[in-house]
Protein backbone atom coordinates (compact mmCIF):
# COMPACT_ATOMS: atom_id res chain seq x y z
CA UNK A 1 -0.02 -0.03 0.11
CA UNK A 2 1.37 3.41 -1.25
CA UNK A 3 2.39 6.92 0.79
CA UNK A 4 2.73 10.08 -0.08
CA UNK A 5 6.10 11.79 1.38
CA UNK A 6 5.25 15.35 1.52
CA UNK A 7 7.77 18.46 2.26
CA UNK A 8 5.34 21.40 3.23
CA UNK A 9 6.24 24.99 3.44
CA UNK A 10 6.18 25.88 -0.15
CA UNK A 11 4.49 28.37 -1.81
CA UNK A 12 2.59 26.85 -4.97
CA UNK A 13 1.44 29.28 -8.17
CA UNK A 14 0.22 28.90 -11.31
CA UNK A 15 -3.04 27.03 -13.19
CA UNK A 16 -4.52 23.85 -12.21
CA UNK A 17 -8.08 22.23 -14.16
CA UNK A 18 -10.35 19.87 -11.96
CA UNK A 19 -10.87 16.63 -13.17
CA UNK A 20 -14.19 15.36 -14.06
CA UNK A 21 -16.92 14.90 -11.52
CA UNK A 22 -16.27 11.35 -9.69
CA UNK A 23 -19.94 11.17 -8.04
CA UNK A 24 -21.52 12.01 -11.36
CA UNK A 25 -19.33 9.33 -13.17
CA UNK A 26 -20.82 6.56 -11.00
CA UNK A 27 -24.35 7.49 -11.81
CA UNK A 28 -23.88 8.13 -15.68
CA UNK A 29 -21.80 5.22 -16.61
CA UNK A 30 -24.10 2.93 -14.89
CA UNK A 31 -26.62 4.34 -17.23
CA UNK A 32 -25.15 2.62 -20.20
CA UNK A 33 -26.93 -0.46 -19.34
CA UNK A 34 -30.30 0.87 -20.28
CA UNK A 35 -29.36 0.81 -24.09
CA UNK A 36 -27.73 -1.55 -26.24
CA UNK A 37 -26.46 1.37 -28.36
CA UNK A 38 -22.62 3.16 -27.61
CA UNK A 39 -23.09 5.90 -25.33
CA UNK A 40 -19.70 8.12 -25.41
CA UNK A 41 -18.40 9.97 -22.35
CA UNK A 42 -16.01 13.00 -21.96
CA UNK A 43 -13.85 14.51 -19.20
CA UNK A 44 -14.33 11.26 -17.31
CA UNK A 45 -11.65 11.02 -14.35
CA UNK A 46 -9.43 8.49 -14.35
CA UNK A 47 -9.43 7.50 -10.45
CA UNK A 48 -9.55 4.14 -8.66
CA UNK A 49 -13.23 4.21 -8.13
CA UNK A 50 -14.15 4.73 -11.48
CA UNK A 51 -11.99 2.68 -13.02
CA UNK A 52 -12.98 -0.16 -10.77
CA UNK A 53 -16.89 0.39 -11.81
CA UNK A 54 -15.51 0.29 -15.62
CA UNK A 55 -14.06 -2.88 -14.81
CA UNK A 56 -17.33 -4.11 -13.73
CA UNK A 57 -19.26 -3.27 -16.63
CA UNK A 58 -16.50 -4.72 -18.71
CA UNK A 59 -16.98 -8.24 -16.44
CA UNK A 60 -20.33 -8.07 -17.19
CA UNK A 61 -20.09 -8.12 -21.12
CA UNK A 62 -20.14 -4.20 -21.50
CA UNK A 63 -17.70 -3.31 -24.64
CA UNK A 64 -15.29 -0.53 -23.17
CA UNK A 65 -13.25 1.36 -25.96
CA UNK A 66 -11.02 4.75 -24.49
CA UNK A 67 -10.10 6.17 -27.89
CA UNK A 68 -8.03 9.04 -25.92
CA UNK A 69 -7.40 9.92 -22.05
CA UNK A 70 -10.53 10.70 -20.28
CA UNK A 71 -12.93 9.71 -22.85
CA UNK A 72 -14.86 6.29 -22.77
CA UNK A 73 -17.42 4.75 -24.85
CA UNK A 74 -19.47 1.96 -23.54
CA UNK A 75 -21.85 -0.41 -25.48
CA UNK A 76 -24.20 -2.79 -23.41
CA UNK A 77 -25.65 -4.72 -26.13
CA UNK A 78 -24.12 -8.48 -25.12
CA UNK A 79 -24.67 -8.33 -21.27
CA UNK A 80 -24.35 -11.44 -19.58
CA UNK A 81 -27.22 -11.65 -16.67
CA UNK A 82 -25.78 -14.54 -14.85
CA UNK A 83 -22.54 -12.81 -13.90
CA UNK A 84 -24.71 -10.62 -11.31
CA UNK A 85 -24.51 -13.70 -9.26
CA UNK A 86 -20.91 -14.29 -9.83
CA UNK A 87 -18.55 -14.73 -6.77
CA UNK A 88 -16.32 -12.06 -8.60
CA UNK A 89 -18.84 -9.55 -9.17
CA UNK A 90 -20.24 -9.74 -5.49
CA UNK A 91 -16.61 -9.31 -4.40
CA UNK A 92 -15.26 -6.60 -6.98
CA UNK A 93 -18.80 -4.86 -6.48
CA UNK A 94 -18.83 -4.80 -2.72
CA UNK A 95 -15.66 -2.76 -2.64
CA UNK A 96 -17.28 0.09 -4.12
CA UNK A 97 -20.20 2.31 -3.04
CA UNK A 98 -21.27 3.31 -6.67
CA UNK A 99 -21.76 -0.47 -7.29
CA UNK A 100 -25.41 -0.25 -5.78
CA UNK A 101 -26.30 1.96 -8.96
CA UNK A 102 -26.12 -0.74 -11.29
CA UNK A 103 -29.42 -1.72 -9.71
CA UNK A 104 -31.79 0.63 -10.99
CA UNK A 105 -30.72 0.05 -15.08
CA UNK A 106 -30.38 -3.87 -14.46
CA UNK A 107 -34.03 -3.58 -12.92
CA UNK A 108 -35.27 -1.33 -15.69
CA UNK A 109 -33.92 -3.37 -18.96
CA UNK A 110 -33.54 -7.17 -17.51
CA UNK A 111 -36.04 -7.22 -14.88
CA UNK A 112 -33.48 -8.40 -11.82
CA UNK A 113 -30.81 -7.44 -10.16
CA UNK A 114 -28.39 -8.00 -7.05
CA UNK A 115 -26.84 -5.38 -4.74
CA UNK A 116 -24.16 -6.10 -2.42
CA UNK A 117 -23.61 -4.12 1.07
CA UNK A 118 -21.99 -1.09 -0.05
CA UNK A 119 -18.00 -0.93 0.35
CA UNK A 120 -15.83 2.74 0.10
CA UNK A 121 -15.54 4.89 2.69
CA UNK A 122 -15.28 3.97 6.22
CA UNK A 123 -17.04 7.21 7.52
CA UNK A 124 -20.20 5.55 9.19
CA UNK A 125 -23.24 3.61 8.32
CA UNK A 126 -24.64 4.05 4.49
CA UNK A 127 -27.69 2.11 4.48
CA UNK A 128 -29.85 1.09 1.24
CA UNK A 129 -33.02 1.80 2.60
CA UNK A 130 -34.13 4.66 0.34
CA UNK A 131 -32.86 2.55 -2.91
CA UNK A 132 -34.71 -0.46 -1.84
CA UNK A 133 -38.04 1.39 -0.62
CA UNK A 134 -38.08 3.19 -3.88
CA UNK A 135 -37.66 0.19 -5.77
CA UNK A 136 -40.75 -1.50 -3.85
CA UNK A 137 -42.54 1.57 -4.85
CA UNK A 138 -42.00 0.27 -8.32
CA UNK A 139 -43.29 -3.19 -7.83
CA UNK A 140 -39.84 -4.72 -7.29
CA UNK A 141 -39.71 -7.89 -4.56
CA UNK A 142 -36.44 -8.11 -2.64
CA UNK A 143 -34.70 -11.06 -0.45
CA UNK A 144 -31.64 -10.56 1.64
CA UNK A 145 -29.31 -13.12 2.25
CA UNK A 146 -27.46 -12.81 5.70
CA UNK A 147 -24.66 -15.13 4.90
CA UNK A 148 -23.96 -13.31 1.26
CA UNK A 149 -24.67 -9.94 2.48
CA UNK A 150 -26.66 -9.72 -0.68
CA UNK A 151 -29.88 -8.04 -1.82
CA UNK A 152 -31.71 -10.07 -4.88
CA UNK A 153 -34.53 -8.15 -6.46
CA UNK A 154 -37.27 -8.89 -8.70
CA UNK A 155 -38.47 -6.63 -11.17
CA UNK A 156 -40.86 -8.72 -13.22
CA UNK A 157 -43.90 -6.71 -11.89
CA UNK A 158 -42.61 -3.36 -12.21
CA UNK A 159 -44.99 -0.12 -13.01
CA UNK A 160 -44.98 3.61 -12.31
CA UNK A 161 -46.07 4.79 -8.84
CA UNK A 162 -45.60 7.79 -6.90
CA UNK A 163 -42.56 7.74 -4.40
CA UNK A 164 -41.95 9.86 -1.54
CA UNK A 165 -38.47 9.80 -0.13
CA UNK A 166 -37.78 9.86 3.26
CA UNK A 167 -34.44 11.09 2.60
CA UNK A 168 -33.25 13.25 -0.48
CA UNK A 169 -30.53 10.60 -1.01
CA UNK A 170 -28.45 11.46 -4.12
CA UNK A 171 -27.78 7.80 -5.12
CA UNK A 172 -31.33 6.60 -4.12
CA UNK A 173 -32.85 9.30 -6.41
CA UNK A 174 -30.50 8.63 -9.61
CA UNK A 175 -31.08 4.59 -9.09
CA UNK A 176 -34.69 5.21 -8.77
CA UNK A 177 -34.88 7.51 -11.97
CA UNK A 178 -32.83 4.97 -13.87
CA UNK A 179 -35.23 2.12 -12.99
CA UNK A 180 -38.05 4.21 -13.91
CA UNK A 181 -37.33 5.51 -17.37
CA UNK A 182 -38.25 2.12 -18.79
CA UNK A 183 -41.00 1.05 -16.46
CA UNK A 184 -44.41 1.64 -17.69
CA UNK A 185 -46.37 4.06 -16.59
CA UNK A 186 -45.84 7.30 -14.91
CA UNK A 187 -43.43 7.76 -11.50
CA UNK A 188 -43.26 10.83 -9.73
CA UNK A 189 -40.34 11.31 -7.05
CA UNK A 190 -41.02 13.63 -4.55
CA UNK A 191 -38.29 15.26 -1.86
CA UNK A 192 -35.82 14.01 -4.70
CA UNK A 193 -32.13 15.03 -4.41
CA UNK A 194 -31.51 18.02 -7.14
CA UNK A 195 -27.85 17.80 -6.98
CA UNK A 196 -25.76 18.89 -10.60
CA UNK A 197 -24.90 15.63 -10.78
CA UNK A 198 -28.49 14.37 -10.79
CA UNK A 199 -29.44 16.81 -13.10
CA UNK A 200 -26.68 16.01 -15.30
CA UNK A 201 -28.04 12.23 -15.27
CA UNK A 202 -31.68 13.37 -16.20
CA UNK A 203 -30.24 15.48 -19.22
CA UNK A 204 -28.41 12.51 -20.11
CA UNK A 205 -31.07 10.26 -20.13
CA UNK A 206 -33.37 12.61 -22.01
CA UNK A 207 -30.83 12.82 -24.55
CA UNK A 208 -31.20 9.21 -24.92
CA UNK A 209 -34.88 9.41 -25.32
CA UNK A 210 -36.16 9.53 -21.63
CA UNK A 211 -39.43 11.83 -20.55
CA UNK A 212 -38.21 13.36 -17.33
CA UNK A 213 -39.37 16.72 -16.06
CA UNK A 214 -38.84 18.58 -12.87
CA UNK A 215 -35.12 18.60 -13.59
CA UNK A 216 -33.23 20.44 -10.78
CA UNK A 217 -36.52 20.57 -8.73
CA UNK A 218 -37.03 18.28 -5.64
CA UNK A 219 -40.28 16.72 -7.53
CA UNK A 220 -39.29 14.82 -10.48
CA UNK A 221 -41.65 13.00 -13.31
CA UNK A 222 -40.70 10.11 -15.36
CA UNK A 223 -42.90 8.60 -17.80
CA UNK A 224 -41.59 5.29 -18.92
CA UNK A 225 -40.63 4.69 -22.71
CA UNK A 226 -39.84 1.71 -24.26
CA UNK A 227 -36.12 2.12 -25.37
CA UNK A 228 -33.43 4.32 -25.29
CA UNK A 229 -30.77 5.18 -27.53
CA UNK A 230 -27.13 5.95 -27.58
CA UNK A 231 -25.82 9.70 -26.90
CA UNK A 232 -22.64 11.69 -26.00
CA UNK A 233 -22.00 13.30 -22.77
CA UNK A 234 -19.31 15.51 -20.93
CA UNK A 235 -19.18 15.10 -17.35
CA UNK A 236 -18.75 18.60 -15.29
CA UNK A 237 -15.58 19.59 -13.40
CA UNK A 238 -15.39 18.05 -9.82
CA UNK A 239 -16.92 20.58 -7.42
CA UNK A 240 -15.03 18.60 -4.42
CA UNK A 241 -11.45 19.38 -6.30
CA UNK A 242 -12.69 23.03 -6.96
CA UNK A 243 -13.28 23.21 -3.21
CA UNK A 244 -9.98 21.67 -2.17
CA UNK A 245 -8.12 23.75 -4.60
CA UNK A 246 -9.41 27.04 -3.28
CA UNK A 247 -8.48 25.65 0.25
CA UNK A 248 -5.30 24.80 -0.70
CA UNK A 249 -4.42 28.30 -2.17
CA UNK A 250 -5.38 29.91 1.29
CA UNK A 251 -3.73 27.33 3.34
CA UNK A 252 -0.16 27.59 1.13
CA UNK A 253 -0.45 31.46 0.61
CA UNK A 254 -0.44 30.56 -3.00
CA UNK A 255 -1.76 32.28 -6.08
CA UNK A 256 -3.50 29.93 -8.15
CA UNK A 257 -6.17 29.97 -11.13
CA UNK A 258 -8.58 27.09 -11.14
CA UNK A 259 -9.68 26.76 -14.66
CA UNK A 260 -12.88 25.61 -16.34
CA UNK A 261 -14.46 24.79 -13.13
CA UNK A 262 -18.26 24.94 -14.21
CA UNK A 263 -19.16 27.73 -11.88
CA UNK A 264 -22.77 28.05 -12.61
CA UNK A 265 -22.94 24.55 -10.98
CA UNK A 266 -20.87 25.09 -7.66
CA UNK A 267 -24.21 26.31 -5.84
CA UNK A 268 -22.83 27.72 -2.11
CA UNK A 269 -19.35 26.69 -2.40
CA UNK A 270 -17.47 29.93 -3.45
CA UNK A 271 -19.58 31.77 -1.04
CA UNK A 272 -18.80 29.51 1.79
CA UNK A 273 -15.11 29.91 1.51
CA UNK A 274 -15.52 33.67 1.10
CA UNK A 275 -16.96 33.59 4.37
CA UNK A 276 -13.77 31.98 5.97
CA UNK A 277 -12.09 35.09 4.60
CA UNK A 278 -10.88 33.67 1.37
CA UNK A 279 -10.65 36.56 -1.37
CA UNK A 280 -11.56 35.20 -5.14
CA UNK A 281 -11.87 36.93 -8.35
CA UNK A 282 -14.25 34.83 -10.46
CA UNK A 283 -14.06 35.21 -14.26
CA UNK A 284 -16.47 32.99 -16.58
CA UNK A 285 -15.35 29.38 -15.46
CA UNK A 286 -12.60 30.24 -14.10
CA UNK A 287 -11.59 31.09 -10.22
CA UNK A 288 -8.39 33.31 -9.35
CA UNK A 289 -7.31 32.83 -5.67
CA UNK A 290 -4.54 35.44 -4.89
CA UNK A 291 -1.83 34.82 -2.48
CA UNK A 292 -3.17 35.30 1.46
CA UNK A 293 -0.90 36.19 4.24
CA UNK A 294 -3.87 36.22 6.42
CA UNK A 295 -7.80 35.29 6.10
CA UNK A 296 -10.35 36.14 8.86
CA UNK A 297 -13.31 34.02 9.49
CA UNK A 298 -16.47 36.07 9.30
CA UNK A 299 -19.34 35.94 12.10
CA UNK A 300 -23.06 35.89 11.55
CA UNK A 301 -24.87 39.22 11.21
CA UNK A 302 -25.88 38.93 15.07
CA UNK A 303 -22.20 38.53 15.84
CA UNK A 304 -22.48 35.12 16.73
CA UNK A 305 -19.71 32.27 15.99
CA UNK A 306 -19.88 30.86 12.27
CA UNK A 307 -21.11 27.30 11.86
CA UNK A 308 -20.76 25.70 8.77
CA UNK A 309 -22.66 22.60 8.21
CA UNK A 310 -23.68 20.11 5.40
CA UNK A 311 -27.00 20.21 3.90
CA UNK A 312 -28.78 18.68 1.01
CA UNK A 313 -28.25 20.50 -2.15
CA UNK A 314 -28.28 23.68 -3.04
CA UNK A 315 -26.90 23.67 0.80
CA UNK A 316 -23.42 22.75 1.36
CA UNK A 317 -22.02 19.69 0.30
CA UNK A 318 -20.69 17.03 3.07
CA UNK A 319 -17.75 16.09 1.01
CA UNK A 320 -16.14 19.47 1.61
CA UNK A 321 -16.34 19.95 5.47
CA UNK A 322 -13.16 17.81 5.66
CA UNK A 323 -11.36 20.99 3.57
CA UNK A 324 -13.33 23.71 5.86
CA UNK A 325 -11.93 22.37 8.84
CA UNK A 326 -8.11 21.92 7.76
CA UNK A 327 -8.25 25.53 6.13
CA UNK A 328 -9.86 27.10 9.34
CA UNK A 329 -6.85 25.94 11.32
CA UNK A 330 -4.76 28.78 9.96
CA UNK A 331 -7.50 31.12 9.48
CA UNK A 332 -7.92 34.10 12.07
CA UNK A 333 -10.83 33.47 14.20
CA UNK A 334 -13.00 30.55 15.49
CA UNK A 335 -15.85 28.51 13.59
CA UNK A 336 -18.03 25.52 14.50
CA UNK A 337 -18.04 22.48 11.88
CA UNK A 338 -20.88 20.53 11.90
CA UNK A 339 -20.90 17.34 9.86
CA UNK A 340 -24.22 15.84 10.05
CA UNK A 341 -24.59 13.09 7.89
CA UNK A 342 -21.48 10.48 8.72
CA UNK A 343 -20.51 10.03 12.40
CA UNK A 344 -16.79 8.94 11.45
CA UNK A 345 -15.89 11.63 9.30
CA UNK A 346 -14.38 14.02 12.06
CA UNK A 347 -12.41 11.53 13.67
CA UNK A 348 -9.19 12.59 11.35
CA UNK A 349 -8.71 15.76 13.66
CA UNK A 350 -6.61 13.90 15.66
CA UNK A 351 -4.05 14.06 13.22
CA UNK A 352 -4.69 17.55 12.77
CA UNK A 353 -4.28 18.52 16.42
CA UNK A 354 -1.03 16.35 16.42
CA UNK A 355 0.23 18.31 13.87
CA UNK A 356 -0.38 21.33 16.09
CA UNK A 357 -4.09 22.45 15.18
CA UNK A 358 -6.29 23.83 18.07
CA UNK A 359 -9.42 21.90 17.77
CA UNK A 360 -11.98 20.68 20.14
CA UNK A 361 -13.95 17.49 18.89
CA UNK A 362 -17.40 17.98 21.01
CA UNK A 363 -18.58 14.93 19.48
CA UNK A 364 -18.71 12.67 16.59
CA UNK A 365 -20.59 15.07 14.62
CA UNK A 366 -19.11 18.48 15.56
CA UNK A 367 -15.84 20.23 16.25
CA UNK A 368 -14.84 23.82 16.96
CA UNK A 369 -11.59 25.17 15.21
CA UNK A 370 -9.79 27.84 16.75
CA UNK A 371 -7.48 29.61 13.91
CA UNK A 372 -3.87 30.03 14.61
CA UNK A 373 -3.66 33.02 12.42
CA UNK A 374 -0.17 31.32 11.22
CA UNK A 375 1.11 32.46 14.37
CA UNK A 376 2.03 28.90 15.17
CA UNK A 377 2.60 26.85 11.67
CA UNK A 378 1.61 22.96 11.60
CA UNK A 379 4.08 20.56 11.69
CA UNK A 380 5.02 17.46 9.36
CA UNK A 381 3.88 14.14 11.07
CA UNK A 382 3.43 10.46 9.88
CA UNK A 383 -0.62 9.85 9.46
CA UNK A 384 -2.81 7.70 7.93
CA UNK A 385 -5.57 8.51 5.00
CA UNK A 386 -9.14 7.26 6.54
CA UNK A 387 -11.27 8.53 3.55
CA UNK A 388 -11.00 10.05 0.18
CA UNK A 389 -12.34 13.51 1.69
CA UNK A 390 -9.78 13.31 4.83
CA UNK A 391 -7.31 12.08 2.93
CA UNK A 392 -7.24 15.04 0.72
CA UNK A 393 -7.46 17.57 3.69
CA UNK A 394 -4.74 15.66 5.52
CA UNK A 395 -2.49 16.33 2.26
CA UNK A 396 -3.34 20.12 2.21
CA UNK A 397 -2.37 20.25 5.89
CA UNK A 398 0.84 18.48 5.10
CA UNK A 399 1.31 20.81 2.42
CA UNK A 400 1.42 24.04 4.82
CA UNK A 401 2.98 22.49 7.36
CA UNK A 402 6.94 22.99 8.25
CA UNK A 403 8.92 20.09 7.68
CA UNK A 404 8.30 16.32 6.37
CA UNK A 405 5.05 14.57 6.31
CA UNK A 406 3.88 11.12 5.30
CA UNK A 407 0.21 9.97 4.25
CA UNK A 408 -0.28 6.46 4.25
CA UNK A 409 -3.19 4.29 2.72
CA UNK A 410 -3.12 6.86 -0.30
CA UNK A 411 -5.41 4.16 -2.06
CA UNK A 412 -7.93 6.23 -0.51
CA UNK A 413 -6.76 9.66 -1.98
CA UNK A 414 -6.28 7.92 -5.70
CA UNK A 415 -10.13 6.51 -5.41
CA UNK A 416 -11.31 10.07 -5.71
CA UNK A 417 -8.44 12.23 -7.36
CA UNK A 418 -6.69 11.55 -10.48
CA UNK A 419 -2.87 11.84 -10.45
CA UNK A 420 -2.94 14.59 -7.38
CA UNK A 421 0.45 14.52 -6.51
CA UNK A 422 2.05 14.95 -10.11
CA UNK A 423 -0.78 17.97 -10.82
CA UNK A 424 0.23 19.46 -7.47
CA UNK A 425 3.60 19.08 -8.08
CA UNK A 426 3.23 21.07 -11.19
CA UNK A 427 2.54 24.19 -9.12
CA UNK A 428 5.35 23.71 -6.91
CA UNK A 429 4.72 21.15 -4.16
CA UNK A 430 6.89 18.34 -3.11
CA UNK A 431 5.23 15.38 -3.19
CA UNK A 432 6.85 11.92 -3.55
CA UNK A 433 5.04 8.61 -3.92
CA UNK A 434 6.75 5.70 -2.33
CA UNK A 435 5.30 2.23 -3.25
């Protein structure tokens, strides 16, 4: 298992382009199973999670072509349904949270599917209730094998239905939409997630011949069609990378320009970092962050302590709270970071405290960060990446710290960030990959 060796304290400069969106890729790639015609994707990130999903699709019989970097053509004209209960499928798909989104298109086209218990990050419980209950509303019967940790789904009696989701789950919404597009009748989803990646999926499906309305709202209507065709689809820039690079620039006192950031789809991400005192100049789809000697955390209008918390779109994404927490360690002021969704996502703060940060972990969901205003610099240590987002937060901390840091278990970082060491080294960082 590899490691990063980072020599921090360097000022970076230059231009960087964010990769294609990981969370969008895991949805739209699964949608290729809905048609036997070729589907062409561009701006696809070459990262571990996405490549694992593509390998999984290829194992099923999907034809995979890569005509150039970050472009993938999928054609599911000869899928082997028997592979869905193969041990190799269960083993590989169980490592990947995104594999759950194979179920929707498989039910729509083949009327059967299997879902292993989710893999991926160790950030807390990630239940499948929203997915399964949504499928049940469409008429799907399911059985759970405790020994195999496997759901078996029978969609032979599927028909359109009204579905009220108990939570606006992004993957749950995407999965139910894909199940409904080929299901007879009209399906409506209320309390649906409306993240840009769900919008992208809906727009892609409509370009394939689906009838989806309400895109961008929490009430989505899908009129089932008999058949979908192929299409071409470009993935958005990864908003988590964009936010990570904004935080990196402030922490390392660097002047960085983020190119092609798809600013219109970032929601309140820029505004949230501006409330941490980070200045930026947005020109079209480019974001320029000047070098910051200091940045001061704002307060609420009544003078109260700023709280940054996650919330379903268009609220602040939980995937950037780890970055916010690290950035605040060198800000001027105090902030409460409230991570509501996952009870283990803040547990990496012990490493930041060891590096010299002043953080009080109140409980599994809340941490108070007292900014040091660069009066006490972080120091390099050896640490382990517990999940994708914490891993990059620790990498940013190490790049701003004095001395050498080592981050182990970087497979977690590689799952979500394409060649992050090479791209940051091009800006002047000193990151060495050690196998």
